[in-house]
Amino acid sequence: PMYNWESSKIGGASPPIKTKDGWLTLYHGVGEDMKYRVGAMLLDTNNPSVVTHRTPKPLLVPEYDYENKGIYKGICFPCGNVVIDETLYVYYGGADQYVGVATCSLDLLLEHLRDCPVR
């Protein structure tokens, strides 16, 4: 782990997406508070074992009732994604009981990641 929000656990999530900047990979991180959050990283296109960029802050955090009240509390766990017309749709589990979808511009996410190089 590099950041406090992922200090207890890091795990893979939805399938990587090949982009012009590398493999976009969403992952879950768990902090000491045991809440699951969603982060993103870019992996080198030719050698995906190399992380080139990584978000220092989570992109999705449990904040709504359906993410905080359920089988397990405080869960945003990315499970699948798809890009449609340059919009990234991220399907995620909330509180291990519900399914949610979050969206963002793929280009804006990649721009944000380019500002987060791994040092």
PDB file of N, CA and C in Angstrom:
ATOM      1  N   PRO A   1       0.823  -1.214   0.000  1.00  0.00           N
ATOM      2  CA  PRO A   1       0.000   0.000   0.000  1.00  0.00           C
ATOM      3  C   PRO A   1       0.857   1.265   0.000  1.00  0.00           C
ATOM      4  N   MET A   2       0.352   2.271  -0.683  1.00  0.00           N
ATOM      5  CA  MET A   2       1.045   3.553  -0.738  1.00  0.00           C
ATOM      6  C   MET A   2       0.327   4.631   0.080  1.00  0.00           C
ATOM      7  N   TYR A   3      -0.986   4.449   0.291  1.00  0.00           N
ATOM      8  CA  TYR A   3      -1.785   5.505   0.886  1.00  0.00           C
ATOM      9  C   TYR A   3      -2.604   4.953   2.060  1.00  0.00           C
ATOM     10  N   ASN A   4      -2.998   5.825   2.985  1.00  0.00           N
ATOM     11  CA  ASN A   4      -3.742   5.397   4.174  1.00  0.00           C
ATOM     12  C   ASN A   4      -5.058   4.710   3.835  1.00  0.00           C
ATOM     13  N   TRP A   5      -5.745   5.179   2.782  1.00  0.00           N
ATOM     14  CA  TRP A   5      -7.062   4.627   2.476  1.00  0.00           C
ATOM     15  C   TRP A   5      -6.994   3.178   1.989  1.00  0.00           C
ATOM     16  N   GLU A   6      -5.788   2.684   1.708  1.00  0.00           N
ATOM     17  CA  GLU A   6      -5.610   1.308   1.240  1.00  0.00           C
ATOM     18  C   GLU A   6      -4.607   0.548   2.114  1.00  0.00           C
ATOM     19  N   SER A   7      -4.414   1.032   3.343  1.00  0.00           N
ATOM     20  CA  SER A   7      -3.339   0.509   4.185  1.00  0.00           C
ATOM     21  C   SER A   7      -3.569  -0.911   4.699  1.00  0.00           C
ATOM     22  N   SER A   8      -4.808  -1.378   4.761  1.00  0.00           N
ATOM     23  CA  SER A   8      -5.083  -2.723   5.280  1.00  0.00           C
ATOM     24  C   SER A   8      -5.179  -3.794   4.197  1.00  0.00           C
ATOM     25  N   LYS A   9      -5.609  -3.386   2.999  1.00  0.00           N
ATOM     26  CA  LYS A   9      -5.797  -4.386   1.944  1.00  0.00           C
ATOM     27  C   LYS A   9      -5.914  -3.704   0.590  1.00  0.00           C
ATOM     28  N   ILE A  10      -5.364  -4.352  -0.420  1.00  0.00           N
ATOM     29  CA  ILE A  10      -5.512  -3.919  -1.809  1.00  0.00           C
ATOM     30  C   ILE A  10      -5.883  -5.151  -2.610  1.00  0.00           C
ATOM     31  N   GLY A  11      -6.816  -4.988  -3.534  1.00  0.00           N
ATOM     32  CA  GLY A  11      -7.193  -6.132  -4.349  1.00  0.00           C
ATOM     33  C   GLY A  11      -7.662  -5.729  -5.726  1.00  0.00           C
ATOM     34  N   GLY A  12      -7.541  -6.660  -6.638  1.00  0.00           N
ATOM     35  CA  GLY A  12      -8.013  -6.452  -7.997  1.00  0.00           C
ATOM     36  C   GLY A  12      -9.525  -6.361  -8.033  1.00  0.00           C
ATOM     37  N   ALA A  13     -10.013  -5.846  -9.116  1.00  0.00           N
ATOM     38  CA  ALA A  13     -11.452  -5.661  -9.229  1.00  0.00           C
ATOM     39  C   ALA A  13     -11.893  -5.956 -10.656  1.00  0.00           C
ATOM     40  N   SER A  14     -12.383  -4.953 -11.328  1.00  0.00           N
ATOM     41  CA  SER A  14     -12.916  -5.134 -12.676  1.00  0.00           C
ATOM     42  C   SER A  14     -11.793  -5.338 -13.693  1.00  0.00           C
ATOM     43  N   PRO A  15     -12.133  -5.895 -14.863  1.00  0.00           N
ATOM     44  CA  PRO A  15     -11.105  -6.158 -15.883  1.00  0.00           C
ATOM     45  C   PRO A  15     -10.420  -4.873 -16.349  1.00  0.00           C
ATOM     46  N   PRO A  16      -9.130  -4.937 -16.639  1.00  0.00           N
ATOM     47  CA  PRO A  16      -8.422  -3.751 -17.141  1.00  0.00           C
ATOM     48  C   PRO A  16      -8.933  -3.357 -18.527  1.00  0.00           C
ATOM     49  N   ILE A  17      -8.772  -2.083 -18.832  1.00  0.00           N
ATOM     50  CA  ILE A  17      -9.186  -1.531 -20.126  1.00  0.00           C
ATOM     51  C   ILE A  17      -7.951  -0.964 -20.809  1.00  0.00           C
ATOM     52  N   LYS A  18      -7.680  -1.398 -22.031  1.00  0.00           N
ATOM     53  CA  LYS A  18      -6.535  -0.879 -22.764  1.00  0.00           C
ATOM     54  C   LYS A  18      -6.859   0.523 -23.273  1.00  0.00           C
ATOM     55  N   THR A  19      -5.988   1.494 -22.924  1.00  0.00           N
ATOM     56  CA  THR A  19      -6.161   2.878 -23.365  1.00  0.00           C
ATOM     57  C   THR A  19      -4.866   3.349 -24.016  1.00  0.00           C
ATOM     58  N   LYS A  20      -4.896   4.539 -24.558  1.00  0.00           N
ATOM     59  CA  LYS A  20      -3.697   5.108 -25.180  1.00  0.00           C
ATOM     60  C   LYS A  20      -2.593   5.367 -24.157  1.00  0.00           C
ATOM     61  N   ASP A  21      -2.968   5.449 -22.866  1.00  0.00           N
ATOM     62  CA  ASP A  21      -2.010   5.733 -21.802  1.00  0.00           C
ATOM     63  C   ASP A  21      -1.553   4.484 -21.057  1.00  0.00           C
ATOM     64  N   GLY A  22      -2.077   3.342 -21.413  1.00  0.00           N
ATOM     65  CA  GLY A  22      -1.749   2.097 -20.727  1.00  0.00           C
ATOM     66  C   GLY A  22      -3.016   1.368 -20.320  1.00  0.00           C
ATOM     67  N   TRP A  23      -2.840   0.333 -19.530  1.00  0.00           N
ATOM     68  CA  TRP A  23      -3.979  -0.448 -19.040  1.00  0.00           C
ATOM     69  C   TRP A  23      -4.597   0.271 -17.847  1.00  0.00           C
ATOM     70  N   LEU A  24      -5.841   0.723 -17.999  1.00  0.00           N
ATOM     71  CA  LEU A  24      -6.571   1.336 -16.895  1.00  0.00           C
ATOM     72  C   LEU A  24      -7.117   0.211 -16.020  1.00  0.00           C
ATOM     73  N   THR A  25      -6.750   0.248 -14.751  1.00  0.00           N
ATOM     74  CA  THR A  25      -7.164  -0.784 -13.815  1.00  0.00           C
ATOM     75  C   THR A  25      -7.795  -0.147 -12.591  1.00  0.00           C
ATOM     76  N   LEU A  26      -9.005  -0.567 -12.278  1.00  0.00           N
ATOM     77  CA  LEU A  26      -9.658  -0.145 -11.046  1.00  0.00           C
ATOM     78  C   LEU A  26      -9.370  -1.200  -9.995  1.00  0.00           C
ATOM     79  N   TYR A  27      -9.236  -0.764  -8.765  1.00  0.00           N
ATOM     80  CA  TYR A  27      -8.956  -1.717  -7.691  1.00  0.00           C
ATOM     81  C   TYR A  27      -9.641  -1.248  -6.414  1.00  0.00           C
ATOM     82  N   HIS A  28      -9.714  -2.142  -5.429  1.00  0.00           N
ATOM     83  CA  HIS A  28     -10.272  -1.737  -4.141  1.00  0.00           C
ATOM     84  C   HIS A  28      -9.157  -1.643  -3.117  1.00  0.00           C
ATOM     85  N   GLY A  29      -9.335  -0.698  -2.227  1.00  0.00           N
ATOM     86  CA  GLY A  29      -8.418  -0.527  -1.121  1.00  0.00           C
ATOM     87  C   GLY A  29      -9.211  -0.430   0.171  1.00  0.00           C
ATOM     88  N   VAL A  30      -8.649  -0.978   1.235  1.00  0.00           N
ATOM     89  CA  VAL A  30      -9.305  -0.957   2.544  1.00  0.00           C
ATOM     90  C   VAL A  30      -8.363  -0.283   3.529  1.00  0.00           C
ATOM     91  N   GLY A  31      -8.885   0.716   4.214  1.00  0.00           N
ATOM     92  CA  GLY A  31      -8.090   1.411   5.223  1.00  0.00           C
ATOM     93  C   GLY A  31      -8.271   0.780   6.594  1.00  0.00           C
ATOM     94  N   GLU A  32      -7.653   1.387   7.586  1.00  0.00           N
ATOM     95  CA  GLU A  32      -7.767   0.882   8.954  1.00  0.00           C
ATOM     96  C   GLU A  32      -9.209   0.892   9.457  1.00  0.00           C
ATOM     97  N   ASP A  33     -10.054   1.743   8.867  1.00  0.00           N
ATOM     98  CA  ASP A  33     -11.463   1.800   9.262  1.00  0.00           C
ATOM     99  C   ASP A  33     -12.285   0.666   8.647  1.00  0.00           C
ATOM    100  N   MET A  34     -11.630  -0.200   7.853  1.00  0.00           N
ATOM    101  CA  MET A  34     -12.236  -1.361   7.201  1.00  0.00           C
ATOM    102  C   MET A  34     -13.266  -1.001   6.131  1.00  0.00           C
ATOM    103  N   LYS A  35     -13.237   0.217   5.619  1.00  0.00           N
ATOM    104  CA  LYS A  35     -14.111   0.611   4.514  1.00  0.00           C
ATOM    105  C   LYS A  35     -13.420   0.335   3.194  1.00  0.00           C
ATOM    106  N   TYR A  36     -14.194  -0.177   2.248  1.00  0.00           N
ATOM    107  CA  TYR A  36     -13.697  -0.477   0.909  1.00  0.00           C
ATOM    108  C   TYR A  36     -13.933   0.727   0.007  1.00  0.00           C
ATOM    109  N   ARG A  37     -12.863   1.158  -0.657  1.00  0.00           N
ATOM    110  CA  ARG A  37     -12.915   2.297  -1.566  1.00  0.00           C
ATOM    111  C   ARG A  37     -12.356   1.876  -2.924  1.00  0.00           C
ATOM    112  N   VAL A  38     -12.601   2.700  -3.929  1.00  0.00           N
ATOM    113  CA  VAL A  38     -12.166   2.380  -5.294  1.00  0.00           C
ATOM    114  C   VAL A  38     -11.084   3.356  -5.724  1.00  0.00           C
ATOM    115  N   GLY A  39      -9.990   2.820  -6.216  1.00  0.00           N
ATOM    116  CA  GLY A  39      -8.919   3.620  -6.785  1.00  0.00           C
ATOM    117  C   GLY A  39      -8.668   3.196  -8.225  1.00  0.00           C
ATOM    118  N   ALA A  40      -7.774   3.918  -8.888  1.00  0.00           N
ATOM    119  CA  ALA A  40      -7.439   3.595 -10.275  1.00  0.00           C
ATOM    120  C   ALA A  40      -5.933   3.692 -10.461  1.00  0.00           C
ATOM    121  N   MET A  41      -5.442   2.900 -11.386  1.00  0.00           N
ATOM    122  CA  MET A  41      -4.030   2.959 -11.744  1.00  0.00           C
ATOM    123  C   MET A  41      -3.886   2.692 -13.231  1.00  0.00           C
ATOM    124  N   LEU A  42      -2.759   3.126 -13.763  1.00  0.00           N
ATOM    125  CA  LEU A  42      -2.379   2.807 -15.136  1.00  0.00           C
ATOM    126  C   LEU A  42      -1.190   1.865 -15.088  1.00  0.00           C
ATOM    127  N   LEU A  43      -1.274   0.811 -15.863  1.00  0.00           N
ATOM    128  CA  LEU A  43      -0.191  -0.151 -15.987  1.00  0.00           C
ATOM    129  C   LEU A  43       0.464   0.026 -17.343  1.00  0.00           C
ATOM    130  N   ASP A  44       1.756  -0.219 -17.415  1.00  0.00           N
ATOM    131  CA  ASP A  44       2.493  -0.114 -18.667  1.00  0.00           C
ATOM    132  C   ASP A  44       1.859  -1.039 -19.711  1.00  0.00           C
ATOM    133  N   THR A  45       1.678  -0.535 -20.912  1.00  0.00           N
ATOM    134  CA  THR A  45       1.023  -1.308 -21.966  1.00  0.00           C
ATOM    135  C   THR A  45       1.776  -2.589 -22.294  1.00  0.00           C
ATOM    136  N   ASN A  46       3.092  -2.515 -22.373  1.00  0.00           N
ATOM    137  CA  ASN A  46       3.882  -3.678 -22.761  1.00  0.00           C
ATOM    138  C   ASN A  46       4.281  -4.563 -21.596  1.00  0.00           C
ATOM    139  N   ASN A  47       4.319  -3.993 -20.395  1.00  0.00           N
ATOM    140  CA  ASN A  47       4.680  -4.763 -19.207  1.00  0.00           C
ATOM    141  C   ASN A  47       3.714  -4.393 -18.078  1.00  0.00           C
ATOM    142  N   PRO A  48       2.535  -5.024 -18.051  1.00  0.00           N
ATOM    143  CA  PRO A  48       1.517  -4.631 -17.081  1.00  0.00           C
ATOM    144  C   PRO A  48       1.876  -4.898 -15.622  1.00  0.00           C
ATOM    145  N   SER A  49       3.038  -5.451 -15.365  1.00  0.00           N
ATOM    146  CA  SER A  49       3.471  -5.583 -13.966  1.00  0.00           C
ATOM    147  C   SER A  49       4.030  -4.261 -13.435  1.00  0.00           C
ATOM    148  N   VAL A  50       4.180  -3.272 -14.316  1.00  0.00           N
ATOM    149  CA  VAL A  50       4.709  -1.960 -13.944  1.00  0.00           C
ATOM    150  C   VAL A  50       3.559  -0.960 -13.810  1.00  0.00           C
ATOM    151  N   VAL A  51       3.392  -0.417 -12.600  1.00  0.00           N
ATOM    152  CA  VAL A  51       2.392   0.620 -12.345  1.00  0.00           C
ATOM    153  C   VAL A  51       3.034   1.963 -12.657  1.00  0.00           C
ATOM    154  N   THR A  52       2.459   2.701 -13.610  1.00  0.00           N
ATOM    155  CA  THR A  52       3.029   3.993 -13.994  1.00  0.00           C
ATOM    156  C   THR A  52       2.344   5.167 -13.299  1.00  0.00           C
ATOM    157  N   HIS A  53       1.048   5.049 -13.033  1.00  0.00           N
ATOM    158  CA  HIS A  53       0.274   6.124 -12.410  1.00  0.00           C
ATOM    159  C   HIS A  53      -0.753   5.506 -11.465  1.00  0.00           C
ATOM    160  N   ARG A  54      -1.036   6.234 -10.371  1.00  0.00           N
ATOM    161  CA  ARG A  54      -1.955   5.686  -9.374  1.00  0.00           C
ATOM    162  C   ARG A  54      -2.596   6.828  -8.596  1.00  0.00           C
ATOM    163  N   THR A  55      -3.899   6.746  -8.396  1.00  0.00           N
ATOM    164  CA  THR A  55      -4.606   7.818  -7.693  1.00  0.00           C
ATOM    165  C   THR A  55      -4.252   7.825  -6.210  1.00  0.00           C
ATOM    166  N   PRO A  56      -3.801   8.965  -5.679  1.00  0.00           N
ATOM    167  CA  PRO A  56      -3.464   9.036  -4.252  1.00  0.00           C
ATOM    168  C   PRO A  56      -4.695   9.062  -3.356  1.00  0.00           C
ATOM    169  N   LYS A  57      -5.821   9.459  -3.901  1.00  0.00           N
ATOM    170  CA  LYS A  57      -7.084   9.480  -3.162  1.00  0.00           C
ATOM    171  C   LYS A  57      -8.070   8.566  -3.871  1.00  0.00           C
ATOM    172  N   PRO A  58      -8.986   7.951  -3.131  1.00  0.00           N
ATOM    173  CA  PRO A  58      -9.967   7.077  -3.778  1.00  0.00           C
ATOM    174  C   PRO A  58     -10.905   7.866  -4.681  1.00  0.00           C
ATOM    175  N   LEU A  59     -11.391   7.190  -5.709  1.00  0.00           N
ATOM    176  CA  LEU A  59     -12.332   7.803  -6.643  1.00  0.00           C
ATOM    177  C   LEU A  59     -13.775   7.607  -6.205  1.00  0.00           C
ATOM    178  N   LEU A  60     -14.022   6.539  -5.491  1.00  0.00           N
ATOM    179  CA  LEU A  60     -15.369   6.214  -5.036  1.00  0.00           C
ATOM    180  C   LEU A  60     -15.268   5.737  -3.594  1.00  0.00           C
ATOM    181  N   VAL A  61     -16.058   6.358  -2.720  1.00  0.00           N
ATOM    182  CA  VAL A  61     -16.033   6.011  -1.297  1.00  0.00           C
ATOM    183  C   VAL A  61     -17.464   5.723  -0.842  1.00  0.00           C
ATOM    184  N   PRO A  62     -17.619   4.865   0.150  1.00  0.00           N
ATOM    185  CA  PRO A  62     -18.974   4.605   0.642  1.00  0.00           C
ATOM    186  C   PRO A  62     -19.525   5.825   1.366  1.00  0.00           C
ATOM    187  N   GLU A  63     -20.626   6.362   0.836  1.00  0.00           N
ATOM    188  CA  GLU A  63     -21.230   7.538   1.449  1.00  0.00           C
ATOM    189  C   GLU A  63     -22.750   7.444   1.547  1.00  0.00           C
ATOM    190  N   TYR A  64     -23.379   6.625   0.728  1.00  0.00           N
ATOM    191  CA  TYR A  64     -24.836   6.517   0.718  1.00  0.00           C
ATOM    192  C   TYR A  64     -25.293   5.331   1.564  1.00  0.00           C
ATOM    193  N   ASP A  65     -26.575   5.341   1.948  1.00  0.00           N
ATOM    194  CA  ASP A  65     -27.113   4.255   2.769  1.00  0.00           C
ATOM    195  C   ASP A  65     -26.879   2.883   2.148  1.00  0.00           C
ATOM    196  N   TYR A  66     -27.088   2.757   0.827  1.00  0.00           N
ATOM    197  CA  TYR A  66     -26.940   1.442   0.197  1.00  0.00           C
ATOM    198  C   TYR A  66     -25.475   0.975   0.152  1.00  0.00           C
ATOM    199  N   GLU A  67     -24.538   1.850   0.492  1.00  0.00           N
ATOM    200  CA  GLU A  67     -23.129   1.473   0.598  1.00  0.00           C
ATOM    201  C   GLU A  67     -22.712   1.241   2.055  1.00  0.00           C
ATOM    202  N   ASN A  68     -23.511   1.760   2.969  1.00  0.00           N
ATOM    203  CA  ASN A  68     -23.163   1.708   4.386  1.00  0.00           C
ATOM    204  C   ASN A  68     -24.093   0.865   5.251  1.00  0.00           C
ATOM    205  N   LYS A  69     -25.227   0.456   4.710  1.00  0.00           N
ATOM    206  CA  LYS A  69     -26.175  -0.355   5.472  1.00  0.00           C
ATOM    207  C   LYS A  69     -26.530  -1.587   4.648  1.00  0.00           C
ATOM    208  N   GLY A  70     -26.063  -2.721   5.091  1.00  0.00           N
ATOM    209  CA  GLY A  70     -26.323  -3.963   4.373  1.00  0.00           C
ATOM    210  C   GLY A  70     -25.622  -5.104   5.062  1.00  0.00           C
ATOM    211  N   ILE A  71     -25.237  -6.096   4.304  1.00  0.00           N
ATOM    212  CA  ILE A  71     -24.569  -7.264   4.862  1.00  0.00           C
ATOM    213  C   ILE A  71     -23.257  -6.841   5.526  1.00  0.00           C
ATOM    214  N   TYR A  72     -22.442  -6.077   4.791  1.00  0.00           N
ATOM    215  CA  TYR A  72     -21.224  -5.487   5.349  1.00  0.00           C
ATOM    216  C   TYR A  72     -21.306  -3.988   5.130  1.00  0.00           C
ATOM    217  N   LYS A  73     -20.958  -3.228   6.126  1.00  0.00           N
ATOM    218  CA  LYS A  73     -21.090  -1.776   6.063  1.00  0.00           C
ATOM    219  C   LYS A  73     -19.812  -1.135   5.498  1.00  0.00           C
ATOM    220  N   GLY A  74     -20.010  -0.060   4.717  1.00  0.00           N
ATOM    221  CA  GLY A  74     -18.868   0.699   4.219  1.00  0.00           C
ATOM    222  C   GLY A  74     -18.170   0.058   3.045  1.00  0.00           C
ATOM    223  N   ILE A  75     -18.964  -0.424   2.081  1.00  0.00           N
ATOM    224  CA  ILE A  75     -18.387  -1.159   0.951  1.00  0.00           C
ATOM    225  C   ILE A  75     -18.730  -0.490  -0.381  1.00  0.00           C
ATOM    226  N   CYS A  76     -17.711  -0.149  -1.143  1.00  0.00           N
ATOM    227  CA  CYS A  76     -17.804   0.166  -2.576  1.00  0.00           C
ATOM    228  C   CYS A  76     -16.785  -0.751  -3.237  1.00  0.00           C
ATOM    229  N   PHE A  77     -17.262  -1.791  -3.907  1.00  0.00           N
ATOM    230  CA  PHE A  77     -16.381  -2.821  -4.443  1.00  0.00           C
ATOM    231  C   PHE A  77     -16.616  -2.941  -5.941  1.00  0.00           C
ATOM    232  N   PRO A  78     -15.685  -2.446  -6.773  1.00  0.00           N
ATOM    233  CA  PRO A  78     -15.879  -2.476  -8.222  1.00  0.00           C
ATOM    234  C   PRO A  78     -15.835  -3.906  -8.759  1.00  0.00           C
ATOM    235  N   CYS A  79     -16.799  -4.218  -9.606  1.00  0.00           N
ATOM    236  CA  CYS A  79     -16.912  -5.584 -10.125  1.00  0.00           C
ATOM    237  C   CYS A  79     -16.835  -5.661 -11.644  1.00  0.00           C
ATOM    238  N   GLY A  80     -17.260  -4.630 -12.326  1.00  0.00           N
ATOM    239  CA  GLY A  80     -17.248  -4.648 -13.788  1.00  0.00           C
ATOM    240  C   GLY A  80     -17.238  -3.247 -14.334  1.00  0.00           C
ATOM    241  N   ASN A  81     -16.827  -3.120 -15.585  1.00  0.00           N
ATOM    242  CA  ASN A  81     -16.835  -1.811 -16.217  1.00  0.00           C
ATOM    243  C   ASN A  81     -16.965  -1.951 -17.717  1.00  0.00           C
ATOM    244  N   VAL A  82     -17.377  -0.874 -18.334  1.00  0.00           N
ATOM    245  CA  VAL A  82     -17.502  -0.818 -19.783  1.00  0.00           C
ATOM    246  C   VAL A  82     -17.388   0.651 -20.196  1.00  0.00           C
ATOM    247  N   VAL A  83     -16.836   0.871 -21.378  1.00  0.00           N
ATOM    248  CA  VAL A  83     -16.770   2.219 -21.938  1.00  0.00           C
ATOM    249  C   VAL A  83     -17.768   2.295 -23.082  1.00  0.00           C
ATOM    250  N   ILE A  84     -18.668   3.266 -23.000  1.00  0.00           N
ATOM    251  CA  ILE A  84     -19.654   3.518 -24.058  1.00  0.00           C
ATOM    252  C   ILE A  84     -19.583   4.997 -24.392  1.00  0.00           C
ATOM    253  N   ASP A  85     -19.293   5.297 -25.650  1.00  0.00           N
ATOM    254  CA  ASP A  85     -19.220   6.690 -26.107  1.00  0.00           C
ATOM    255  C   ASP A  85     -18.341   7.546 -25.191  1.00  0.00           C
ATOM    256  N   GLU A  86     -17.163   7.053 -24.869  1.00  0.00           N
ATOM    257  CA  GLU A  86     -16.164   7.766 -24.068  1.00  0.00           C
ATOM    258  C   GLU A  86     -16.568   7.968 -22.607  1.00  0.00           C
ATOM    259  N   THR A  87     -17.623   7.304 -22.162  1.00  0.00           N
ATOM    260  CA  THR A  87     -18.020   7.336 -20.752  1.00  0.00           C
ATOM    261  C   THR A  87     -17.692   5.991 -20.130  1.00  0.00           C
ATOM    262  N   LEU A  88     -17.008   6.028 -18.986  1.00  0.00           N
ATOM    263  CA  LEU A  88     -16.702   4.817 -18.246  1.00  0.00           C
ATOM    264  C   LEU A  88     -17.843   4.537 -17.273  1.00  0.00           C
ATOM    265  N   TYR A  89     -18.416   3.359 -17.366  1.00  0.00           N
ATOM    266  CA  TYR A  89     -19.448   2.896 -16.444  1.00  0.00           C
ATOM    267  C   TYR A  89     -18.794   1.864 -15.529  1.00  0.00           C
ATOM    268  N   VAL A  90     -18.848   2.105 -14.236  1.00  0.00           N
ATOM    269  CA  VAL A  90     -18.269   1.196 -13.255  1.00  0.00           C
ATOM    270  C   VAL A  90     -19.407   0.611 -12.422  1.00  0.00           C
ATOM    271  N   TYR A  91     -19.555  -0.693 -12.498  1.00  0.00           N
ATOM    272  CA  TYR A  91     -20.572  -1.391 -11.719  1.00  0.00           C
ATOM    273  C   TYR A  91     -19.909  -1.874 -10.437  1.00  0.00           C
ATOM    274  N   TYR A  92     -20.550  -1.590  -9.317  1.00  0.00           N
ATOM    275  CA  TYR A  92     -19.910  -1.901  -8.039  1.00  0.00           C
ATOM    276  C   TYR A  92     -20.933  -2.397  -7.026  1.00  0.00           C
ATOM    277  N   GLY A  93     -20.437  -3.165  -6.077  1.00  0.00           N
ATOM    278  CA  GLY A  93     -21.266  -3.640  -4.993  1.00  0.00           C
ATOM    279  C   GLY A  93     -21.271  -2.635  -3.859  1.00  0.00           C
ATOM    280  N   GLY A  94     -22.459  -2.421  -3.286  1.00  0.00           N
ATOM    281  CA  GLY A  94     -22.610  -1.551  -2.133  1.00  0.00           C
ATOM    282  C   GLY A  94     -23.049  -2.374  -0.933  1.00  0.00           C
ATOM    283  N   ALA A  95     -22.262  -2.315   0.134  1.00  0.00           N
ATOM    284  CA  ALA A  95     -22.560  -3.027   1.387  1.00  0.00           C
ATOM    285  C   ALA A  95     -22.777  -4.523   1.161  1.00  0.00           C
ATOM    286  N   ASP A  96     -22.196  -5.070   0.114  1.00  0.00           N
ATOM    287  CA  ASP A  96     -22.341  -6.489  -0.237  1.00  0.00           C
ATOM    288  C   ASP A  96     -23.799  -6.933  -0.347  1.00  0.00           C
ATOM    289  N   GLN A  97     -24.662  -5.979  -0.700  1.00  0.00           N
ATOM    290  CA  GLN A  97     -26.082  -6.299  -0.817  1.00  0.00           C
ATOM    291  C   GLN A  97     -26.715  -5.661  -2.053  1.00  0.00           C
ATOM    292  N   TYR A  98     -26.126  -4.591  -2.539  1.00  0.00           N
ATOM    293  CA  TYR A  98     -26.716  -3.837  -3.632  1.00  0.00           C
ATOM    294  C   TYR A  98     -25.722  -3.698  -4.777  1.00  0.00           C
ATOM    295  N   VAL A  99     -26.243  -3.337  -5.953  1.00  0.00           N
ATOM    296  CA  VAL A  99     -25.398  -3.056  -7.108  1.00  0.00           C
ATOM    297  C   VAL A  99     -25.622  -1.607  -7.496  1.00  0.00           C
ATOM    298  N   GLY A 100     -24.521  -0.886  -7.680  1.00  0.00           N
ATOM    299  CA  GLY A 100     -24.589   0.497  -8.111  1.00  0.00           C
ATOM    300  C   GLY A 100     -23.795   0.674  -9.387  1.00  0.00           C
ATOM    301  N   VAL A 101     -23.982   1.818 -10.022  1.00  0.00           N
ATOM    302  CA  VAL A 101     -23.175   2.162 -11.190  1.00  0.00           C
ATOM    303  C   VAL A 101     -22.731   3.612 -11.040  1.00  0.00           C
ATOM    304  N   ALA A 102     -21.465   3.832 -11.311  1.00  0.00           N
ATOM    305  CA  ALA A 102     -20.902   5.184 -11.290  1.00  0.00           C
ATOM    306  C   ALA A 102     -20.342   5.453 -12.682  1.00  0.00           C
ATOM    307  N   THR A 103     -20.402   6.687 -13.110  1.00  0.00           N
ATOM    308  CA  THR A 103     -19.914   7.032 -14.439  1.00  0.00           C
ATOM    309  C   THR A 103     -18.954   8.216 -14.364  1.00  0.00           C
ATOM    310  N   CYS A 104     -18.085   8.270 -15.346  1.00  0.00           N
ATOM    311  CA  CYS A 104     -17.221   9.434 -15.514  1.00  0.00           C
ATOM    312  C   CYS A 104     -16.708   9.437 -16.946  1.00  0.00           C
ATOM    313  N   SER A 105     -16.185  10.554 -17.349  1.00  0.00           N
ATOM    314  CA  SER A 105     -15.552  10.677 -18.656  1.00  0.00           C
ATOM    315  C   SER A 105     -14.237   9.902 -18.633  1.00  0.00           C
ATOM    316  N   LEU A 106     -14.055   9.014 -19.575  1.00  0.00           N
ATOM    317  CA  LEU A 106     -12.803   8.265 -19.648  1.00  0.00           C
ATOM    318  C   LEU A 106     -11.630   9.212 -19.843  1.00  0.00           C
ATOM    319  N   ASP A 107     -11.782  10.198 -20.697  1.00  0.00           N
ATOM    320  CA  ASP A 107     -10.688  11.140 -20.950  1.00  0.00           C
ATOM    321  C   ASP A 107     -10.322  11.932 -19.693  1.00  0.00           C
ATOM    322  N   LEU A 108     -11.322  12.354 -18.924  1.00  0.00           N
ATOM    323  CA  LEU A 108     -11.025  13.103 -17.701  1.00  0.00           C
ATOM    324  C   LEU A 108     -10.334  12.224 -16.661  1.00  0.00           C
ATOM    325  N   LEU A 109     -10.738  10.964 -16.569  1.00  0.00           N
ATOM    326  CA  LEU A 109     -10.069  10.061 -15.635  1.00  0.00           C
ATOM    327  C   LEU A 109      -8.620   9.838 -16.052  1.00  0.00           C
ATOM    328  N   LEU A 110      -8.377   9.630 -17.341  1.00  0.00           N
ATOM    329  CA  LEU A 110      -6.999   9.438 -17.808  1.00  0.00           C
ATOM    330  C   LEU A 110      -6.165  10.696 -17.581  1.00  0.00           C
ATOM    331  N   GLU A 111      -6.768  11.866 -17.805  1.00  0.00           N
ATOM    332  CA  GLU A 111      -6.060  13.127 -17.550  1.00  0.00           C
ATOM    333  C   GLU A 111      -5.687  13.233 -16.069  1.00  0.00           C
ATOM    334  N   HIS A 112      -6.625  12.880 -15.207  1.00  0.00           N
ATOM    335  CA  HIS A 112      -6.357  12.900 -13.766  1.00  0.00           C
ATOM    336  C   HIS A 112      -5.223  11.927 -13.411  1.00  0.00           C
ATOM    337  N   LEU A 113      -5.272  10.735 -13.962  1.00  0.00           N
ATOM    338  CA  LEU A 113      -4.232   9.740 -13.680  1.00  0.00           C
ATOM    339  C   LEU A 113      -2.863  10.191 -14.173  1.00  0.00           C
ATOM    340  N   ARG A 114      -2.805  10.858 -15.317  1.00  0.00           N
ATOM    341  CA  ARG A 114      -1.518  11.344 -15.823  1.00  0.00           C
ATOM    342  C   ARG A 114      -0.865  12.325 -14.854  1.00  0.00           C
ATOM    343  N   ASP A 115      -1.692  12.982 -14.026  1.00  0.00           N
ATOM    344  CA  ASP A 115      -1.178  13.898 -13.004  1.00  0.00           C
ATOM    345  C   ASP A 115      -0.781  13.178 -11.724  1.00  0.00           C
ATOM    346  N   CYS A 116      -0.873  11.845 -11.716  1.00  0.00           N
ATOM    347  CA  CYS A 116      -0.573  11.051 -10.512  1.00  0.00           C
ATOM    348  C   CYS A 116       0.496   9.998 -10.786  1.00  0.00           C
ATOM    349  N   PRO A 117       1.679  10.413 -11.212  1.00  0.00           N
ATOM    350  CA  PRO A 117       2.708   9.404 -11.492  1.00  0.00           C
ATOM    351  C   PRO A 117       3.186   8.724 -10.208  1.00  0.00           C
ATOM    352  N   VAL A 118       3.540   7.466 -10.333  1.00  0.00           N
ATOM    353  CA  VAL A 118       4.120   6.742  -9.212  1.00  0.00           C
ATOM    354  C   VAL A 118       5.563   7.163  -9.115  1.00  0.00           C
ATOM    355  N   ARG A 119       6.004   7.486  -7.930  1.00  0.00           N
ATOM    356  CA  ARG A 119       7.384   7.969  -7.756  1.00  0.00           C
ATOM    357  C   ARG A 119       8.230   6.928  -7.092  1.00  0.00           C
TER     358      ARG A 119
END
